[in-house]
C-alpha atoms as a PDB file:
ATOM      1  CA  CYS A   1       9.713  -5.906  12.994  1.00  0.00           C
ATOM      2  CA  TYR A   2       5.986  -5.630  12.363  1.00  0.00           C
ATOM      3  CA  ALA A   3       6.399  -2.494  10.191  1.00  0.00           C
ATOM      4  CA  THR A   4       8.845  -4.298   7.904  1.00  0.00           C
ATOM      5  CA  GLN A   5       6.556  -7.304   7.572  1.00  0.00           C
ATOM      6  CA  ASN A   6       3.525  -5.083   6.933  1.00  0.00           C
ATOM      7  CA  ARG A   7       5.345  -3.233   4.163  1.00  0.00           C
ATOM      8  CA  GLN A   8       6.344  -6.483   2.474  1.00  0.00           C
ATOM      9  CA  ILE A   9       2.716  -7.647   2.609  1.00  0.00           C
ATOM     10  CA  ALA A  10       1.667  -4.308   1.102  1.00  0.00           C
ATOM     11  CA  VAL A  11       4.197  -4.741  -1.728  1.00  0.00           C
ATOM     12  CA  LYS A  12       2.689  -8.141  -2.551  1.00  0.00           C
ATOM     13  CA  LYS A  13      -0.762  -6.541  -2.644  1.00  0.00           C
ATOM     14  CA  LEU A  14       0.200  -3.605  -4.859  1.00  0.00           C
ATOM     15  CA  ALA A  15       2.220  -5.927  -7.100  1.00  0.00           C
ATOM     16  CA  GLU A  16      -1.052  -7.592  -8.133  1.00  0.00           C
ATOM     17  CA  ASP A  17      -1.887  -4.606 -10.355  1.00  0.00           C
ATOM     18  CA  ALA A  18       1.458  -2.897 -11.000  1.00  0.00           C
ATOM     19  CA  ASP A  19       3.607  -2.994 -14.120  1.00  0.00           C
ATOM     20  CA  LEU A  20       6.408  -1.256 -12.236  1.00  0.00           C
ATOM     21  CA  VAL A  21       7.205  -0.949  -8.533  1.00  0.00           C
ATOM     22  CA  ILE A  22       9.390   1.833  -7.184  1.00  0.00           C
ATOM     23  CA  VAL A  23      10.701   1.468  -3.642  1.00  0.00           C
ATOM     24  CA  VAL A  24      11.988   4.648  -2.026  1.00  0.00           C
ATOM     25  CA  GLY A  25      14.728   3.724   0.404  1.00  0.00           C
ATOM     26  CA  SER A  26      18.408   3.403   1.042  1.00  0.00           C
ATOM     27  CA  LYS A  27      20.518   1.025  -1.021  1.00  0.00           C
ATOM     28  CA  ASN A  28      22.007  -0.300   2.228  1.00  0.00           C
ATOM     29  CA  SER A  29      18.603  -0.989   3.812  1.00  0.00           C
ATOM     30  CA  SER A  30      17.890  -4.705   3.880  1.00  0.00           C
ATOM     31  CA  ASN A  31      14.172  -3.899   4.265  1.00  0.00           C
ATOM     32  CA  SER A  32      14.096  -1.735   1.122  1.00  0.00           C
ATOM     33  CA  ILE A  33      16.111  -4.268  -0.866  1.00  0.00           C
ATOM     34  CA  ARG A  34      13.766  -7.027   0.274  1.00  0.00           C
ATOM     35  CA  MET A  35      10.716  -5.068  -0.893  1.00  0.00           C
ATOM     36  CA  VAL A  36      12.201  -4.872  -4.399  1.00  0.00           C
ATOM     37  CA  GLU A  37      12.759  -8.640  -4.291  1.00  0.00           C
ATOM     38  CA  VAL A  38       9.203  -9.251  -3.045  1.00  0.00           C
ATOM     39  CA  ALA A  39       7.777  -7.223  -5.938  1.00  0.00           C
ATOM     40  CA  LEU A  40       9.852  -9.149  -8.483  1.00  0.00           C
ATOM     41  CA  GLU A  41       8.894 -12.486  -6.896  1.00  0.00           C
ATOM     42  CA  ALA A  42       5.231 -11.421  -7.053  1.00  0.00           C
ATOM     43  CA  GLY A  43       5.529 -11.107 -10.811  1.00  0.00           C
ATOM     44  CA  VAL A  44       6.076  -7.378 -11.365  1.00  0.00           C
ATOM     45  CA  PRO A  45       8.094  -7.052 -14.585  1.00  0.00           C
ATOM     46  CA  ALA A  46      10.263  -4.266 -13.155  1.00  0.00           C
ATOM     47  CA  SER A  47      11.058  -3.110  -9.640  1.00  0.00           C
ATOM     48  CA  HIS A  48      13.618  -0.493  -8.664  1.00  0.00           C
ATOM     49  CA  LEU A  49      15.089   0.960  -5.473  1.00  0.00           C
ATOM     50  CA  VAL A  50      15.701   4.723  -5.446  1.00  0.00           C
ATOM     51  CA  ASP A  51      16.816   7.209  -2.813  1.00  0.00           C
ATOM     52  CA  ASN A  52      14.675   9.958  -4.346  1.00  0.00           C
ATOM     53  CA  ALA A  53      12.845  11.029  -7.516  1.00  0.00           C
ATOM     54  CA  GLY A  54      16.089  12.154  -9.142  1.00  0.00           C
ATOM     55  CA  GLU A  55      17.167   8.521  -9.500  1.00  0.00           C
ATOM     56  CA  ILE A  56      14.143   7.419 -11.531  1.00  0.00           C
ATOM     57  CA  ASP A  57      14.846   6.637 -15.177  1.00  0.00           C
ATOM     58  CA  GLU A  58      12.016   7.769 -17.467  1.00  0.00           C
ATOM     59  CA  ALA A  59      12.676   4.691 -19.615  1.00  0.00           C
ATOM     60  CA  TRP A  60      11.220   2.593 -16.778  1.00  0.00           C
ATOM     61  CA  LEU A  61       7.797   4.050 -17.639  1.00  0.00           C
ATOM     62  CA  GLU A  62       7.716   2.784 -21.227  1.00  0.00           C
ATOM     63  CA  GLY A  63       4.623   0.618 -21.649  1.00  0.00           C
ATOM     64  CA  VAL A  64       3.700   1.022 -17.975  1.00  0.00           C
ATOM     65  CA  THR A  65       0.064   1.580 -17.085  1.00  0.00           C
ATOM     66  CA  THR A  66       0.247   1.258 -13.296  1.00  0.00           C
ATOM     67  CA  VAL A  67       3.132   2.181 -10.999  1.00  0.00           C
ATOM     68  CA  GLY A  68       3.295   0.815  -7.468  1.00  0.00           C
ATOM     69  CA  LEU A  69       5.119   3.014  -4.971  1.00  0.00           C
ATOM     70  CA  THR A  70       6.256   2.152  -1.475  1.00  0.00           C
ATOM     71  CA  SER A  71       9.045   3.095   0.887  1.00  0.00           C
ATOM     72  CA  GLY A  72      11.239   1.808   3.643  1.00  0.00           C
ATOM     73  CA  ALA A  73       9.922   2.247   7.176  1.00  0.00           C
ATOM     74  CA  SER A  74      12.175   5.194   8.052  1.00  0.00           C
ATOM     75  CA  VAL A  75      11.995   7.079   4.743  1.00  0.00           C
ATOM     76  CA  PRO A  76      10.842  10.693   5.213  1.00  0.00           C
ATOM     77  CA  ASP A  77       7.453  11.459   3.637  1.00  0.00           C
ATOM     78  CA  VAL A  78       9.003  14.329   1.685  1.00  0.00           C
ATOM     79  CA  LEU A  79      10.985  11.814  -0.411  1.00  0.00           C
ATOM     80  CA  VAL A  80       7.887   9.760  -1.211  1.00  0.00           C
ATOM     81  CA  ASP A  81       5.963  12.954  -1.996  1.00  0.00           C
ATOM     82  CA  GLY A  82       8.767  13.938  -4.372  1.00  0.00           C
ATOM     83  CA  VAL A  83       8.359  10.667  -6.275  1.00  0.00           C
ATOM     84  CA  LEU A  84       4.574  11.138  -6.382  1.00  0.00           C
ATOM     85  CA  GLU A  85       5.067  14.624  -7.841  1.00  0.00           C
ATOM     86  CA  TRP A  86       7.584  13.288 -10.383  1.00  0.00           C
ATOM     87  CA  LEU A  87       5.128  10.599 -11.468  1.00  0.00           C
ATOM     88  CA  ALA A  88       2.218  13.071 -11.637  1.00  0.00           C
ATOM     89  CA  GLU A  89       4.243  15.304 -13.952  1.00  0.00           C
ATOM     90  CA  ARG A  90       4.532  12.323 -16.303  1.00  0.00           C
ATOM     91  CA  GLY A  91       0.864  11.395 -16.369  1.00  0.00           C
ATOM     92  CA  TYR A  92       0.609   9.161 -13.304  1.00  0.00           C
ATOM     93  CA  ALA A  93      -1.461  11.515 -11.161  1.00  0.00           C
ATOM     94  CA  ASP A  94      -4.203   9.136  -9.989  1.00  0.00           C
ATOM     95  CA  VAL A  95      -3.168   7.768  -6.603  1.00  0.00           C
ATOM     96  CA  GLU A  96      -4.803   4.846  -4.839  1.00  0.00           C
ATOM     97  CA  THR A  97      -3.640   3.996  -1.343  1.00  0.00           C
ATOM     98  CA  VAL A  98      -3.230   0.291  -0.609  1.00  0.00           C
ATOM     99  CA  LYS A  99      -3.615  -0.301   3.110  1.00  0.00           C
ATOM    100  CA  THR A 100      -2.956  -3.751   4.473  1.00  0.00           C
ATOM    101  CA  ALA A 101      -2.400  -3.028   8.163  1.00  0.00           C
ATOM    102  CA  ASP A 102      -2.856  -0.334  10.773  1.00  0.00           C
ATOM    103  CA  GLU A 103       0.516   0.671  12.190  1.00  0.00           C
ATOM    104  CA  SER A 104      -0.842   2.498  15.213  1.00  0.00           C
ATOM    105  CA  ILE A 105       0.988   0.484  17.838  1.00  0.00           C
ATOM    106  CA  THR A 106       2.418   2.567  20.650  1.00  0.00           C
ATOM    107  CA  PHE A 107       5.138   1.651  23.078  1.00  0.00           C
ATOM    108  CA  SER A 108       5.333   2.776  26.693  1.00  0.00           C
ATOM    109  CA  LEU A 109       8.345   4.614  27.988  1.00  0.00           C
ATOM    110  CA  PRO A 110      10.464   2.708  30.509  1.00  0.00           C
ATOM    111  CA  LYS A 111       9.524   3.282  34.175  1.00  0.00           C
ATOM    112  CA  GLU A 112      12.661   5.328  34.800  1.00  0.00           C
ATOM    113  CA  LEU A 113      11.854   7.797  32.032  1.00  0.00           C
ATOM    114  CA  ARG A 114       8.218   8.107  33.114  1.00  0.00           C
ATOM    115  CA  ARG A 115       9.377   8.829  36.674  1.00  0.00           C
ATOM    116  CA  ASP A 116      11.891  11.424  35.433  1.00  0.00           C
ATOM    117  CA  LEU A 117       9.211  13.107  33.315  1.00  0.00           C
ATOM    118  CA  ARG A 118       6.802  13.267  36.259  1.00  0.00           C
ATOM    119  CA  THR A 119       9.536  14.746  38.452  1.00  0.00           C
ATOM    120  CA  GLU A 120      10.448  17.345  35.838  1.00  0.00           C
ATOM    121  CA  ALA A 121       6.801  18.250  35.227  1.00  0.00           C
ATOM    122  CA  ALA A 122       6.262  18.714  38.965  1.00  0.00           C
ATOM    123  CA  GLU A 123       9.352  20.926  39.212  1.00  0.00           C
ATOM    124  CA  LEU A 124       8.216  23.044  36.265  1.00  0.00           C
ATOM    125  CA  SER A 125       4.768  23.522  37.771  1.00  0.00           C
ATOM    126  CA  GLY A 126       6.268  24.460  41.142  1.00  0.00           C
ATOM    127  CA  LYS A 127       4.976  21.336  42.926  1.00  0.00           C
ATOM    128  CA  LYS A 128       8.195  19.814  44.150  1.00  0.00           C
END
């Protein structure tokens, strides 16, 4: 999946400057687990997987200047925002976005669904 690969590339990039990487994602997500591994392999001293801000241990921040934050592809923004707020409350308020790829790919609906949508739209507009 291109989104998974892009996120792993982004983790490598943010790992260049981070003392700690936090990955927001499910413990049973192979993508999220892999991002933690990628950060560790890239030389980040500490990398952790959390479901939400409530799972972060303040001890992780000891001696940390820069925190890298990323998330699994299907993680709701509200969970990432919660971690950003948690970090800001502890002095990590400056946020820099690391963008490595544009994920603006769109996929067409199958022909059958497009046909059904056209039919339904015509019926709704009274043009049977």
